[in-house]
Amino acid sequence: MLLVPNLLFAETSKILTIYTYDSFAAEWGPGPAIKIAFEKDCECNVEFVATSNAATLLAKIQLEGSLSNADIVLGLDQNFIAEASATELFIEHQIKPSLNITWEDNFFTPYDYGFFSFIYDKTKLIKPPKSMAELIERDDIKIIVQDPRTSTPGLGLLLWIKSLYGSDAAKIWKKLNLKILTYTPGWSEAYGMFLKNEADMVLSYTTSPAYHLMYENESKYKSASFSEGHYMQIEVAGILRSSKNYKLAQKFMNFISSKEFQIEIPKKNIMYPIVNIDLPVAYQALTKPTNGLILSSGMVTKFKKDWINEWLNHLQ
């Protein structure tokens, strides 16, 4: 049964409030252009309220509950949707755009996707590892990664290891930690250290080299292609049940799959769009994984604490 928000027929504001993460809303992110494009037809104002990442987004709406000022939450990924649905703060909707990915959830709509990867400088690392197994066994590579408790990519690596090695993950962490220089709180700290040549590789996305090509005309940064596959991230948006602008929020959710929205994703969010559009030329130089690894959101929610404790127990 389709659930109806409490204030479905009492839309009193023409301000659409969207909670998202800071890089989406930043002046160099996709948010400003998307705001302008949507406001052309909606006769409304879009306001972004930003937090640091998906985990803090979920924590914010859990804290605010039904008193939240947000209409839409944009920036959770598939690893959080079971936990988010369990709060009963989101409303089911029936948007079924034609997607480049498989998607069946009715509470959240994807807006982009990507694959985690280790990035390296080809002028410094001449022989990059060709598999996760090779990275784990080599003793000549130092890497920087993010903390899975505070970072979406960090959680992605945790789930990547778990999806590949299952019950042997603890043994793998013991080996992998010998190569990890540090765990940073977020992506920007880790990537910044890598760019200062403090490590051979950094955990990021397969699309990261496209940024350097598009904005720096620099081709030396590459994504290591792993034969076992790469863990996926699918970012999503959902409407809060307490939204005072449900019809407007629904209109924005439909707008997500439009060309005007999606064209900003590869340019500014440096991720893959969910619908077929012409990608920037820089994406032609990328190697897109053919094997996308993913664990169910329900499984992640059920076992995440156990897997984080498993990782903590094997820190050096």
C-alpha atoms as a PDB file:
ATOM      1  CA  MET A   1       0.000   0.000   0.000  1.00  0.00           C
ATOM      2  CA  LEU A   2       1.296   3.457  -0.914  1.00  0.00           C
ATOM      3  CA  LEU A   3       1.916   5.447   2.260  1.00  0.00           C
ATOM      4  CA  VAL A   4       0.788   9.088   2.261  1.00  0.00           C
ATOM      5  CA  PRO A   5       2.635  11.780   4.214  1.00  0.00           C
ATOM      6  CA  ASN A   6       0.748  13.588   6.964  1.00  0.00           C
ATOM      7  CA  LEU A   7       0.753  16.913   5.124  1.00  0.00           C
ATOM      8  CA  LEU A   8       0.252  15.747   1.569  1.00  0.00           C
ATOM      9  CA  PHE A   9      -2.531  18.250   0.897  1.00  0.00           C
ATOM     10  CA  ALA A  10      -1.234  21.091   3.022  1.00  0.00           C
ATOM     11  CA  GLU A  11       1.670  22.445   1.023  1.00  0.00           C
ATOM     12  CA  THR A  12       2.344  25.832   2.546  1.00  0.00           C
ATOM     13  CA  SER A  13       5.852  26.606   1.312  1.00  0.00           C
ATOM     14  CA  LYS A  14       7.516  27.057  -2.037  1.00  0.00           C
ATOM     15  CA  ILE A  15      10.927  26.333  -0.573  1.00  0.00           C
ATOM     16  CA  LEU A  16      12.188  22.825  -1.312  1.00  0.00           C
ATOM     17  CA  THR A  17      14.715  21.878   1.371  1.00  0.00           C
ATOM     18  CA  ILE A  18      17.186  19.163   0.407  1.00  0.00           C
ATOM     19  CA  TYR A  19      19.599  17.607   2.881  1.00  0.00           C
ATOM     20  CA  THR A  20      22.765  16.443   1.118  1.00  0.00           C
ATOM     21  CA  TYR A  21      26.519  16.142   1.640  1.00  0.00           C
ATOM     22  CA  ASP A  22      28.882  19.088   1.412  1.00  0.00           C
ATOM     23  CA  SER A  23      30.620  18.276  -1.884  1.00  0.00           C
ATOM     24  CA  PHE A  24      27.268  17.990  -3.687  1.00  0.00           C
ATOM     25  CA  ALA A  25      26.115  21.401  -2.480  1.00  0.00           C
ATOM     26  CA  ALA A  26      29.501  23.141  -2.854  1.00  0.00           C
ATOM     27  CA  GLU A  27      29.931  25.814  -5.505  1.00  0.00           C
ATOM     28  CA  TRP A  28      32.136  23.424  -7.480  1.00  0.00           C
ATOM     29  CA  GLY A  29      29.728  20.504  -7.034  1.00  0.00           C
ATOM     30  CA  PRO A  30      26.618  19.618  -9.086  1.00  0.00           C
ATOM     31  CA  GLY A  31      24.161  21.223  -6.647  1.00  0.00           C
ATOM     32  CA  PRO A  32      24.233  24.850  -7.866  1.00  0.00           C
ATOM     33  CA  ALA A  33      23.627  23.964 -11.531  1.00  0.00           C
ATOM     34  CA  ILE A  34      20.899  21.472 -10.595  1.00  0.00           C
ATOM     35  CA  LYS A  35      19.246  24.101  -8.401  1.00  0.00           C
ATOM     36  CA  ILE A  36      19.156  26.603 -11.274  1.00  0.00           C
ATOM     37  CA  ALA A  37      17.801  24.028 -13.741  1.00  0.00           C
ATOM     38  CA  PHE A  38      15.012  22.866 -11.431  1.00  0.00           C
ATOM     39  CA  GLU A  39      14.000  26.357 -10.331  1.00  0.00           C
ATOM     40  CA  LYS A  40      13.357  27.350 -13.961  1.00  0.00           C
ATOM     41  CA  ASP A  41      10.170  25.281 -14.014  1.00  0.00           C
ATOM     42  CA  CYS A  42       9.193  24.658 -10.402  1.00  0.00           C
ATOM     43  CA  GLU A  43       8.308  28.237  -9.356  1.00  0.00           C
ATOM     44  CA  CYS A  44      10.134  27.527  -6.127  1.00  0.00           C
ATOM     45  CA  ASN A  45      13.429  27.995  -4.319  1.00  0.00           C
ATOM     46  CA  VAL A  46      15.737  25.057  -3.673  1.00  0.00           C
ATOM     47  CA  GLU A  47      17.770  25.176  -0.486  1.00  0.00           C
ATOM     48  CA  PHE A  48      20.569  22.685   0.185  1.00  0.00           C
ATOM     49  CA  VAL A  49      21.518  21.871   3.774  1.00  0.00           C
ATOM     50  CA  ALA A  50      24.820  20.009   3.821  1.00  0.00           C
ATOM     51  CA  THR A  51      26.524  17.555   6.166  1.00  0.00           C
ATOM     52  CA  SER A  52      29.845  15.785   5.676  1.00  0.00           C
ATOM     53  CA  ASN A  53      28.735  12.390   4.318  1.00  0.00           C
ATOM     54  CA  ALA A  54      26.013   9.741   4.109  1.00  0.00           C
ATOM     55  CA  ALA A  55      26.458   8.560   7.683  1.00  0.00           C
ATOM     56  CA  THR A  56      26.039  12.054   9.120  1.00  0.00           C
ATOM     57  CA  LEU A  57      23.054  12.649   6.830  1.00  0.00           C
ATOM     58  CA  LEU A  58      21.271   9.636   8.283  1.00  0.00           C
ATOM     59  CA  ALA A  59      22.212  10.616  11.828  1.00  0.00           C
ATOM     60  CA  LYS A  60      20.835  14.122  11.277  1.00  0.00           C
ATOM     61  CA  ILE A  61      17.412  12.993  10.115  1.00  0.00           C
ATOM     62  CA  GLN A  62      17.236  10.360  12.856  1.00  0.00           C
ATOM     63  CA  LEU A  63      17.914  13.061  15.427  1.00  0.00           C
ATOM     64  CA  GLU A  64      15.347  15.456  13.947  1.00  0.00           C
ATOM     65  CA  GLY A  65      12.722  12.790  13.321  1.00  0.00           C
ATOM     66  CA  SER A  66       9.312  13.996  12.165  1.00  0.00           C
ATOM     67  CA  LEU A  67      10.286  17.585  13.057  1.00  0.00           C
ATOM     68  CA  SER A  68      12.880  17.776  10.291  1.00  0.00           C
ATOM     69  CA  ASN A  69      12.723  20.756   7.954  1.00  0.00           C
ATOM     70  CA  ALA A  70      13.893  18.628   5.040  1.00  0.00           C
ATOM     71  CA  ASP A  71      11.680  17.584   2.169  1.00  0.00           C
ATOM     72  CA  ILE A  72      14.274  15.373   0.466  1.00  0.00           C
ATOM     73  CA  VAL A  73      17.412  13.590   1.608  1.00  0.00           C
ATOM     74  CA  LEU A  74      19.911  13.202  -1.238  1.00  0.00           C
ATOM     75  CA  GLY A  75      23.222  11.469  -0.626  1.00  0.00           C
ATOM     76  CA  LEU A  76      22.590   8.212   1.185  1.00  0.00           C
ATOM     77  CA  ASP A  77      23.924   5.175  -0.626  1.00  0.00           C
ATOM     78  CA  GLN A  78      22.662   1.621  -0.929  1.00  0.00           C
ATOM     79  CA  ASN A  79      24.465   0.565   2.247  1.00  0.00           C
ATOM     80  CA  PHE A  80      22.226   2.825   4.347  1.00  0.00           C
ATOM     81  CA  ILE A  81      18.794   2.365   2.784  1.00  0.00           C
ATOM     82  CA  ALA A  82      17.655  -0.564   4.936  1.00  0.00           C
ATOM     83  CA  GLU A  83      18.581   1.369   8.075  1.00  0.00           C
ATOM     84  CA  ALA A  84      16.949   4.511   6.689  1.00  0.00           C
ATOM     85  CA  SER A  85      13.739   2.663   5.750  1.00  0.00           C
ATOM     86  CA  ALA A  86      13.551   1.181   9.244  1.00  0.00           C
ATOM     87  CA  THR A  87      13.227   4.691  10.711  1.00  0.00           C
ATOM     88  CA  GLU A  88       9.826   4.998   8.966  1.00  0.00           C
ATOM     89  CA  LEU A  89      10.726   8.638   8.239  1.00  0.00           C
ATOM     90  CA  PHE A  90      10.649   8.131   4.463  1.00  0.00           C
ATOM     91  CA  ILE A  91       7.644   7.769   2.219  1.00  0.00           C
ATOM     92  CA  GLU A  92       7.280   5.175  -0.504  1.00  0.00           C
ATOM     93  CA  HIS A  93       7.011   6.482  -4.044  1.00  0.00           C
ATOM     94  CA  GLN A  94       6.625   4.916  -7.465  1.00  0.00           C
ATOM     95  CA  ILE A  95       9.229   6.476  -9.734  1.00  0.00           C
ATOM     96  CA  LYS A  96      10.545   3.923 -12.181  1.00  0.00           C
ATOM     97  CA  PRO A  97      12.934   5.634 -14.607  1.00  0.00           C
ATOM     98  CA  SER A  98      14.855   3.593 -17.164  1.00  0.00           C
ATOM     99  CA  LEU A  99      18.161   3.034 -15.388  1.00  0.00           C
ATOM    100  CA  ASN A 100      21.635   1.813 -16.275  1.00  0.00           C
ATOM    101  CA  ILE A 101      21.612  -0.210 -13.046  1.00  0.00           C
ATOM    102  CA  THR A 102      19.278  -2.727 -11.443  1.00  0.00           C
ATOM    103  CA  TRP A 103      17.060  -1.076  -8.832  1.00  0.00           C
ATOM    104  CA  GLU A 104      13.866  -2.243  -7.113  1.00  0.00           C
ATOM    105  CA  ASP A 105      13.508  -0.193  -3.901  1.00  0.00           C
ATOM    106  CA  ASN A 106      10.404   2.042  -3.774  1.00  0.00           C
ATOM    107  CA  PHE A 107      11.552   4.370  -0.998  1.00  0.00           C
ATOM    108  CA  PHE A 108      14.697   5.681  -2.685  1.00  0.00           C
ATOM    109  CA  THR A 109      15.631   6.723  -6.223  1.00  0.00           C
ATOM    110  CA  PRO A 110      19.225   6.395  -7.500  1.00  0.00           C
ATOM    111  CA  TYR A 111      20.884   9.453  -9.006  1.00  0.00           C
ATOM    112  CA  ASP A 112      24.418   8.177  -9.709  1.00  0.00           C
ATOM    113  CA  TYR A 113      26.737   5.236  -9.199  1.00  0.00           C
ATOM    114  CA  GLY A 114      30.422   4.419  -9.174  1.00  0.00           C
ATOM    115  CA  PHE A 115      33.057   1.889  -8.184  1.00  0.00           C
ATOM    116  CA  PHE A 116      35.679   2.084  -5.453  1.00  0.00           C
ATOM    117  CA  SER A 117      39.254   1.770  -6.582  1.00  0.00           C
ATOM    118  CA  PHE A 118      42.865   2.467  -5.691  1.00  0.00           C
ATOM    119  CA  ILE A 119      44.340   5.438  -7.536  1.00  0.00           C
ATOM    120  CA  TYR A 120      48.042   5.717  -8.375  1.00  0.00           C
ATOM    121  CA  ASP A 121      50.470   7.963 -10.231  1.00  0.00           C
ATOM    122  CA  LYS A 122      51.702   6.011 -13.262  1.00  0.00           C
ATOM    123  CA  THR A 123      54.983   7.954 -13.328  1.00  0.00           C
ATOM    124  CA  LYS A 124      55.795   6.698  -9.821  1.00  0.00           C
ATOM    125  CA  LEU A 125      54.130   3.275  -9.544  1.00  0.00           C
ATOM    126  CA  ILE A 126      55.233   1.546 -12.723  1.00  0.00           C
ATOM    127  CA  LYS A 127      53.707  -1.852 -11.964  1.00  0.00           C
ATOM    128  CA  PRO A 128      50.373  -1.375 -10.163  1.00  0.00           C
ATOM    129  CA  PRO A 129      48.665  -4.426  -8.648  1.00  0.00           C
ATOM    130  CA  LYS A 130      46.180  -6.121 -10.956  1.00  0.00           C
ATOM    131  CA  SER A 131      44.073  -7.684  -8.221  1.00  0.00           C
ATOM    132  CA  MET A 132      43.147  -7.225  -4.576  1.00  0.00           C
ATOM    133  CA  ALA A 133      45.043 -10.425  -3.861  1.00  0.00           C
ATOM    134  CA  GLU A 134      48.208  -8.966  -5.389  1.00  0.00           C
ATOM    135  CA  LEU A 135      47.853  -5.740  -3.409  1.00  0.00           C
ATOM    136  CA  ILE A 136      47.496  -7.733  -0.190  1.00  0.00           C
ATOM    137  CA  GLU A 137      50.595  -9.838  -0.868  1.00  0.00           C
ATOM    138  CA  ARG A 138      52.959  -7.163  -2.175  1.00  0.00           C
ATOM    139  CA  ASP A 139      55.346  -5.559   0.301  1.00  0.00           C
ATOM    140  CA  ASP A 140      56.495  -2.624  -1.865  1.00  0.00           C
ATOM    141  CA  ILE A 141      53.270  -0.564  -1.809  1.00  0.00           C
ATOM    142  CA  LYS A 142      51.965   1.835   0.823  1.00  0.00           C
ATOM    143  CA  ILE A 143      48.351   2.983   0.713  1.00  0.00           C
ATOM    144  CA  ILE A 144      46.105   5.528   2.411  1.00  0.00           C
ATOM    145  CA  VAL A 145      42.468   4.652   3.090  1.00  0.00           C
ATOM    146  CA  GLN A 146      39.547   6.086   5.034  1.00  0.00           C
ATOM    147  CA  ASP A 147      38.023   5.042   8.342  1.00  0.00           C
ATOM    148  CA  PRO A 148      34.901   2.901   7.715  1.00  0.00           C
ATOM    149  CA  ARG A 149      33.216   4.434  10.770  1.00  0.00           C
ATOM    150  CA  THR A 150      33.327   7.971   9.364  1.00  0.00           C
ATOM    151  CA  SER A 151      33.784   7.665   5.595  1.00  0.00           C
ATOM    152  CA  THR A 152      31.695   6.230   2.784  1.00  0.00           C
ATOM    153  CA  PRO A 153      34.743   5.007   0.804  1.00  0.00           C
ATOM    154  CA  GLY A 154      36.169   3.562   4.012  1.00  0.00           C
ATOM    155  CA  LEU A 155      32.980   1.566   4.531  1.00  0.00           C
ATOM    156  CA  GLY A 156      33.154   0.629   0.856  1.00  0.00           C
ATOM    157  CA  LEU A 157      36.580  -0.958   1.353  1.00  0.00           C
ATOM    158  CA  LEU A 158      35.324  -2.839   4.408  1.00  0.00           C
ATOM    159  CA  LEU A 159      32.477  -4.284   2.339  1.00  0.00           C
ATOM    160  CA  TRP A 160      34.772  -4.899  -0.637  1.00  0.00           C
ATOM    161  CA  ILE A 161      37.006  -7.072   1.537  1.00  0.00           C
ATOM    162  CA  LYS A 162      34.022  -8.841   3.081  1.00  0.00           C
ATOM    163  CA  SER A 163      32.416  -9.528  -0.318  1.00  0.00           C
ATOM    164  CA  LEU A 164      35.648 -11.078  -1.621  1.00  0.00           C
ATOM    165  CA  TYR A 165      36.876 -12.976   1.426  1.00  0.00           C
ATOM    166  CA  GLY A 166      33.871 -13.629   3.657  1.00  0.00           C
ATOM    167  CA  SER A 167      34.870 -15.436   6.844  1.00  0.00           C
ATOM    168  CA  ASP A 168      38.564 -14.989   5.975  1.00  0.00           C
ATOM    169  CA  ALA A 169      38.276 -11.195   6.075  1.00  0.00           C
ATOM    170  CA  ALA A 170      39.982 -10.969   9.478  1.00  0.00           C
ATOM    171  CA  LYS A 171      43.109 -12.652   8.103  1.00  0.00           C
ATOM    172  CA  ILE A 172      43.078 -10.305   5.124  1.00  0.00           C
ATOM    173  CA  TRP A 173      42.850  -7.210   7.312  1.00  0.00           C
ATOM    174  CA  LYS A 174      45.850  -8.392   9.295  1.00  0.00           C
ATOM    175  CA  LYS A 175      47.901  -8.477   6.071  1.00  0.00           C
ATOM    176  CA  LEU A 176      46.418  -5.383   4.460  1.00  0.00           C
ATOM    177  CA  ASN A 177      46.989  -3.221   7.519  1.00  0.00           C
ATOM    178  CA  LEU A 178      50.732  -3.711   7.100  1.00  0.00           C
ATOM    179  CA  LYS A 179      50.485  -1.612   3.917  1.00  0.00           C
ATOM    180  CA  ILE A 180      48.170   1.101   5.232  1.00  0.00           C
ATOM    181  CA  LEU A 181      49.981   4.273   6.311  1.00  0.00           C
ATOM    182  CA  THR A 182      46.934   5.812   7.949  1.00  0.00           C
ATOM    183  CA  TYR A 183      43.146   5.854   8.112  1.00  0.00           C
ATOM    184  CA  THR A 184      41.760   9.337   7.548  1.00  0.00           C
ATOM    185  CA  PRO A 185      38.320  10.561   8.709  1.00  0.00           C
ATOM    186  CA  GLY A 186      37.202  11.326   5.160  1.00  0.00           C
ATOM    187  CA  TRP A 187      38.018  11.130   1.464  1.00  0.00           C
ATOM    188  CA  SER A 188      39.467  14.637   1.047  1.00  0.00           C
ATOM    189  CA  GLU A 189      42.132  14.154   3.727  1.00  0.00           C
ATOM    190  CA  ALA A 190      43.261  10.859   2.199  1.00  0.00           C
ATOM    191  CA  TYR A 191      43.323  12.140  -1.368  1.00  0.00           C
ATOM    192  CA  GLY A 192      45.162  15.289  -0.337  1.00  0.00           C
ATOM    193  CA  MET A 193      47.908  13.230   1.313  1.00  0.00           C
ATOM    194  CA  PHE A 194      48.209  11.093  -1.799  1.00  0.00           C
ATOM    195  CA  LEU A 195      48.600  14.155  -4.018  1.00  0.00           C
ATOM    196  CA  LYS A 196      51.443  15.246  -1.741  1.00  0.00           C
ATOM    197  CA  ASN A 197      53.185  11.943  -2.562  1.00  0.00           C
ATOM    198  CA  GLU A 198      52.766  10.518   0.940  1.00  0.00           C
ATOM    199  CA  ALA A 199      51.643   7.121  -0.382  1.00  0.00           C
ATOM    200  CA  ASP A 200      51.759   4.996  -3.527  1.00  0.00           C
ATOM    201  CA  MET A 201      47.992   4.561  -3.762  1.00  0.00           C
ATOM    202  CA  VAL A 202      44.810   5.971  -2.241  1.00  0.00           C
ATOM    203  CA  LEU A 203      41.307   4.576  -1.919  1.00  0.00           C
ATOM    204  CA  SER A 204      38.954   6.551  -4.158  1.00  0.00           C
ATOM    205  CA  TYR A 205      36.835   5.832  -7.252  1.00  0.00           C
ATOM    206  CA  THR A 206      37.530   4.476 -10.736  1.00  0.00           C
ATOM    207  CA  THR A 207      36.300   7.826 -12.055  1.00  0.00           C
ATOM    208  CA  SER A 208      38.792   9.957 -10.099  1.00  0.00           C
ATOM    209  CA  PRO A 209      41.272  10.155 -13.015  1.00  0.00           C
ATOM    210  CA  ALA A 210      38.538  11.849 -15.076  1.00  0.00           C
ATOM    211  CA  TYR A 211      38.614  14.810 -12.694  1.00  0.00           C
ATOM    212  CA  HIS A 212      42.331  15.339 -13.280  1.00  0.00           C
ATOM    213  CA  LEU A 213      41.830  15.091 -17.034  1.00  0.00           C
ATOM    214  CA  MET A 214      38.883  17.493 -17.137  1.00  0.00           C
ATOM    215  CA  TYR A 215      40.093  20.162 -14.741  1.00  0.00           C
ATOM    216  CA  GLU A 216      43.893  19.843 -14.729  1.00  0.00           C
ATOM    217  CA  ASN A 217      44.616  18.318 -18.143  1.00  0.00           C
ATOM    218  CA  GLU A 218      46.642  15.748 -16.211  1.00  0.00           C
ATOM    219  CA  SER A 219      46.747  12.128 -17.356  1.00  0.00           C
ATOM    220  CA  LYS A 220      49.230  10.544 -14.935  1.00  0.00           C
ATOM    221  CA  TYR A 221      46.633   9.460 -12.373  1.00  0.00           C
ATOM    222  CA  LYS A 222      45.139   6.045 -13.013  1.00  0.00           C
ATOM    223  CA  SER A 223      42.724   3.598 -11.419  1.00  0.00           C
ATOM    224  CA  ALA A 224      44.083   0.141 -10.674  1.00  0.00           C
ATOM    225  CA  SER A 225      41.851  -2.444 -12.331  1.00  0.00           C
ATOM    226  CA  PHE A 226      41.307  -5.487 -10.098  1.00  0.00           C
ATOM    227  CA  SER A 227      40.456  -8.824 -11.682  1.00  0.00           C
ATOM    228  CA  GLU A 228      38.105  -9.854  -8.833  1.00  0.00           C
ATOM    229  CA  GLY A 229      35.883  -6.808  -9.449  1.00  0.00           C
ATOM    230  CA  HIS A 230      35.222  -3.514  -7.680  1.00  0.00           C
ATOM    231  CA  TYR A 231      32.710  -2.729  -4.963  1.00  0.00           C
ATOM    232  CA  MET A 232      29.865  -0.484  -6.135  1.00  0.00           C
ATOM    233  CA  GLN A 233      28.338   2.610  -4.636  1.00  0.00           C
ATOM    234  CA  ILE A 234      24.830   3.695  -5.665  1.00  0.00           C
ATOM    235  CA  GLU A 235      23.763   7.087  -4.327  1.00  0.00           C
ATOM    236  CA  VAL A 236      20.072   7.722  -3.741  1.00  0.00           C
ATOM    237  CA  ALA A 237      17.467  10.308  -2.799  1.00  0.00           C
ATOM    238  CA  GLY A 238      14.256   9.900  -0.811  1.00  0.00           C
ATOM    239  CA  ILE A 239      11.275  11.981   0.342  1.00  0.00           C
ATOM    240  CA  LEU A 240      10.641  12.440   4.044  1.00  0.00           C
ATOM    241  CA  ARG A 241       7.159  11.576   5.259  1.00  0.00           C
ATOM    242  CA  SER A 242       7.073  14.908   7.141  1.00  0.00           C
ATOM    243  CA  SER A 243       7.666  16.957   3.961  1.00  0.00           C
ATOM    244  CA  LYS A 244       5.449  20.038   3.747  1.00  0.00           C
ATOM    245  CA  ASN A 245       5.993  20.142  -0.026  1.00  0.00           C
ATOM    246  CA  TYR A 246       5.274  16.610  -1.117  1.00  0.00           C
ATOM    247  CA  LYS A 247       4.138  17.408  -4.671  1.00  0.00           C
ATOM    248  CA  LEU A 248       7.164  19.604  -5.210  1.00  0.00           C
ATOM    249  CA  ALA A 249       9.425  16.926  -3.748  1.00  0.00           C
ATOM    250  CA  GLN A 250       7.870  14.340  -6.058  1.00  0.00           C
ATOM    251  CA  LYS A 251       8.522  16.655  -8.994  1.00  0.00           C
ATOM    252  CA  PHE A 252      12.190  16.877  -8.008  1.00  0.00           C
ATOM    253  CA  MET A 253      12.422  13.105  -7.710  1.00  0.00           C
ATOM    254  CA  ASN A 254      11.190  12.826 -11.298  1.00  0.00           C
ATOM    255  CA  PHE A 255      13.659  15.547 -12.279  1.00  0.00           C
ATOM    256  CA  ILE A 256      16.541  13.357 -11.038  1.00  0.00           C
ATOM    257  CA  SER A 257      16.417  11.187 -14.158  1.00  0.00           C
ATOM    258  CA  SER A 258      16.239  14.183 -16.516  1.00  0.00           C
ATOM    259  CA  LYS A 259      19.125  15.175 -18.774  1.00  0.00           C
ATOM    260  CA  GLU A 260      19.388  18.526 -16.984  1.00  0.00           C
ATOM    261  CA  PHE A 261      20.158  16.768 -13.694  1.00  0.00           C
ATOM    262  CA  GLN A 262      22.148  13.833 -15.000  1.00  0.00           C
ATOM    263  CA  ILE A 263      24.482  15.860 -17.205  1.00  0.00           C
ATOM    264  CA  GLU A 264      25.947  17.466 -14.077  1.00  0.00           C
ATOM    265  CA  ILE A 265      26.808  14.133 -12.423  1.00  0.00           C
ATOM    266  CA  PRO A 266      29.868  13.062 -14.470  1.00  0.00           C
ATOM    267  CA  LYS A 267      31.108  16.661 -14.721  1.00  0.00           C
ATOM    268  CA  LYS A 268      30.720  17.754 -11.112  1.00  0.00           C
ATOM    269  CA  ASN A 269      30.103  14.678  -8.939  1.00  0.00           C
ATOM    270  CA  ILE A 270      32.639  12.612 -10.919  1.00  0.00           C
ATOM    271  CA  MET A 271      30.348   9.584 -10.930  1.00  0.00           C
ATOM    272  CA  TYR A 272      28.403   7.684 -13.575  1.00  0.00           C
ATOM    273  CA  PRO A 273      24.876   8.888 -14.470  1.00  0.00           C
ATOM    274  CA  ILE A 274      21.949   6.525 -14.023  1.00  0.00           C
ATOM    275  CA  VAL A 275      20.539   7.185 -17.510  1.00  0.00           C
ATOM    276  CA  ASN A 276      22.096   7.210 -20.950  1.00  0.00           C
ATOM    277  CA  ILE A 277      23.691  10.572 -21.721  1.00  0.00           C
ATOM    278  CA  ASP A 278      26.857  11.584 -23.539  1.00  0.00           C
ATOM    279  CA  LEU A 279      29.750  11.394 -21.091  1.00  0.00           C
ATOM    280  CA  PRO A 280      32.614  13.907 -21.039  1.00  0.00           C
ATOM    281  CA  VAL A 281      35.547  12.969 -23.263  1.00  0.00           C
ATOM    282  CA  ALA A 282      37.688  12.296 -20.177  1.00  0.00           C
ATOM    283  CA  TYR A 283      35.536   9.258 -19.366  1.00  0.00           C
ATOM    284  CA  GLN A 284      36.695   7.571 -22.575  1.00  0.00           C
ATOM    285  CA  ALA A 285      40.100   7.097 -20.961  1.00  0.00           C
ATOM    286  CA  LEU A 286      38.629   5.234 -17.987  1.00  0.00           C
ATOM    287  CA  THR A 287      38.402   1.489 -17.508  1.00  0.00           C
ATOM    288  CA  LYS A 288      34.906   0.745 -16.266  1.00  0.00           C
ATOM    289  CA  PRO A 289      34.688  -2.438 -14.172  1.00  0.00           C
ATOM    290  CA  THR A 290      32.667  -5.243 -15.702  1.00  0.00           C
ATOM    291  CA  ASN A 291      32.165  -6.940 -12.333  1.00  0.00           C
ATOM    292  CA  GLY A 292      30.437  -4.716  -9.805  1.00  0.00           C
ATOM    293  CA  LEU A 293      30.421  -6.217  -6.306  1.00  0.00           C
ATOM    294  CA  ILE A 294      27.595  -5.407  -3.908  1.00  0.00           C
ATOM    295  CA  LEU A 295      26.119  -6.745  -0.674  1.00  0.00           C
ATOM    296  CA  SER A 296      22.478  -6.292   0.215  1.00  0.00           C
ATOM    297  CA  SER A 297      21.605  -3.279   2.328  1.00  0.00           C
ATOM    298  CA  GLY A 298      19.856  -5.546   4.810  1.00  0.00           C
ATOM    299  CA  MET A 299      22.986  -7.625   5.267  1.00  0.00           C
ATOM    300  CA  VAL A 300      25.127  -4.508   5.715  1.00  0.00           C
ATOM    301  CA  THR A 301      22.745  -3.113   8.335  1.00  0.00           C
ATOM    302  CA  LYS A 302      22.650  -6.427  10.218  1.00  0.00           C
ATOM    303  CA  PHE A 303      26.387  -7.125  10.283  1.00  0.00           C
ATOM    304  CA  LYS A 304      28.092  -3.731   9.901  1.00  0.00           C
ATOM    305  CA  LYS A 305      28.952  -3.392  13.593  1.00  0.00           C
ATOM    306  CA  ASP A 306      30.386  -6.910  13.684  1.00  0.00           C
ATOM    307  CA  TRP A 307      32.478  -6.282  10.567  1.00  0.00           C
ATOM    308  CA  ILE A 308      33.781  -2.983  11.920  1.00  0.00           C
ATOM    309  CA  ASN A 309      34.750  -4.711  15.163  1.00  0.00           C
ATOM    310  CA  GLU A 310      36.487  -7.400  13.122  1.00  0.00           C
ATOM    311  CA  TRP A 311      38.501  -4.692  11.371  1.00  0.00           C
ATOM    312  CA  LEU A 312      39.279  -2.904  14.655  1.00  0.00           C
ATOM    313  CA  ASN A 313      40.570  -6.120  16.196  1.00  0.00           C
ATOM    314  CA  HIS A 314      43.219  -6.428  13.494  1.00  0.00           C
ATOM    315  CA  LEU A 315      44.592  -2.885  13.400  1.00  0.00           C
ATOM    316  CA  GLN A 316      48.359  -2.816  13.816  1.00  0.00           C
END
